[in-house]
Protein backbone atom coordinates (compact mmCIF):
# COMPACT_ATOMS: atom_id res chain seq x y z
CA UNK A 1 -34.24 -69.55 25.42
CA UNK A 2 -32.91 -65.95 25.99
CA UNK A 3 -34.39 -64.28 29.03
CA UNK A 4 -36.10 -60.97 28.71
CA UNK A 5 -36.78 -58.16 31.07
CA UNK A 6 -40.10 -58.48 32.83
CA UNK A 7 -42.40 -56.79 35.32
CA UNK A 8 -43.61 -58.61 38.35
CA UNK A 9 -46.44 -57.74 40.67
CA UNK A 10 -46.11 -59.10 44.12
CA UNK A 11 -47.71 -58.59 47.64
CA UNK A 12 -45.83 -56.73 50.27
CA UNK A 13 -46.31 -55.57 53.82
CA UNK A 14 -47.83 -52.24 52.54
CA UNK A 15 -50.12 -53.79 49.80
CA UNK A 16 -49.00 -54.54 46.38
CA UNK A 17 -45.79 -53.44 44.51
CA UNK A 18 -44.31 -53.90 40.97
CA UNK A 19 -40.70 -54.30 40.06
CA UNK A 20 -38.82 -54.41 36.85
CA UNK A 21 -36.43 -57.49 36.42
CA UNK A 22 -33.68 -57.07 33.86
CA UNK A 23 -32.75 -59.89 31.51
CA UNK A 24 -29.81 -60.62 33.90
CA UNK A 25 -32.32 -61.16 36.65
CA UNK A 26 -31.38 -58.02 38.63
CA UNK A 27 -34.05 -55.67 39.98
CA UNK A 28 -33.68 -52.31 38.19
CA UNK A 29 -36.76 -50.56 39.49
CA UNK A 30 -39.39 -51.13 42.18
CA UNK A 31 -42.57 -49.23 42.97
CA UNK A 32 -44.19 -47.77 46.05
CA UNK A 33 -46.99 -49.73 47.70
CA UNK A 34 -50.48 -49.86 46.23
CA UNK A 35 -53.63 -50.74 48.14
CA UNK A 36 -54.88 -53.25 45.41
CA UNK A 37 -53.27 -55.56 43.04
CA UNK A 38 -55.23 -53.96 40.15
CA UNK A 39 -53.83 -50.38 41.15
CA UNK A 40 -50.28 -51.85 41.08
CA UNK A 41 -50.95 -53.36 37.69
CA UNK A 42 -52.36 -50.14 36.44
CA UNK A 43 -49.35 -48.21 37.60
CA UNK A 44 -46.96 -50.79 36.08
CA UNK A 45 -48.86 -50.48 32.72
CA UNK A 46 -48.45 -46.68 32.86
CA UNK A 47 -44.65 -46.93 33.46
CA UNK A 48 -44.40 -49.38 30.49
CA UNK A 49 -46.31 -46.96 28.24
CA UNK A 50 -44.36 -43.92 29.36
CA UNK A 51 -41.05 -45.74 28.84
CA UNK A 52 -41.94 -46.62 25.23
CA UNK A 53 -41.96 -42.89 24.40
CA UNK A 54 -39.16 -41.85 26.70
CA UNK A 55 -35.79 -40.44 25.71
CA UNK A 56 -32.49 -40.46 27.51
CA UNK A 57 -31.52 -37.07 28.92
CA UNK A 58 -28.41 -36.04 30.83
CA UNK A 59 -30.02 -32.68 31.94
CA UNK A 60 -31.12 -32.53 35.64
CA UNK A 61 -34.68 -31.86 36.47
CA UNK A 62 -35.18 -28.11 37.16
CA UNK A 63 -37.18 -27.33 40.34
CA UNK A 64 -39.87 -24.87 39.98
CA UNK A 65 -39.18 -21.49 41.69
CA UNK A 66 -41.28 -20.99 44.78
C-alpha cells in the first residue's frame, strides 16, 4: 500500500499542535500551540482548505509601508 501525506494532531507542552507528514514520513510543516484539540483540528482544516486553492509563487511577500 502506497503511503500518503497526512496531518497529525498531537499533544505538546503548550497545548495541541498539528503537523503535516509527507508520504516519505518526513515532517514538512508544524503548527504553533493551540489551547484545545478542537482548535488545533480547526486550524489544520483551515490550512488544508487554503492549500487546495493555493498556487506556487516565487515572488516575495511585500511588507506594507508604515
